[in-house]
């Protein structure tokens, strides 16, 4: 099964990163719908290490604000929702539930380097899936670095031990404020057939 041209446009060719937002809200029901779609994206051994904090209240934004770089401040404070994409370093404790047909927990428990690499890689994938799920549901996004990870971890994850990776602003983008699309590599510039 292939998706139609309109879906490809919504997900890739016409989708844009947004920095300014309309007043249209992103509801908690929208966030549940995004997650319920995103969670089906593949991760190694179904590890699903990503954890998400949907910052959407004035109190949450006030907690996030001092961790942001100056260039990310206005667009984040004005976004209806900012997602902290994080990962659980001890994701493998959930593998008996998520990957029950093998003792996958034993692959990672006691191997901190492999666990950290797996959590970061697969959590990053899940953050990308979240962007695509939001786009599929008509919600725009703006992913970014440019924040103090240690400060975010202290403010939001002191009790869970989760580790922040990147942020995603979610909302309905103001299309009049989108930058012109930047160039992309051609196939021959970025790919090798081996």
Foldseek 3Di string as FASTA:
>chain_A
DDDDPVLCCLQPVVAAAFQAFDPDAQDPVNVVQLCVQLLPDDAVLSLPFKDKDKQADPVSLVLQQVFAAPVNRPSQVRFRTKIFIWGQLQSLVCSCVRNVVDSCSVVPVVPSVVSVVRRLVRSVVSVSSSQSSCSSVQKHKHKDAGGHFVSCCVSPPPPRRIGTDIMMGIHHHDVVPGDPDDDDDDCVVPHDDD
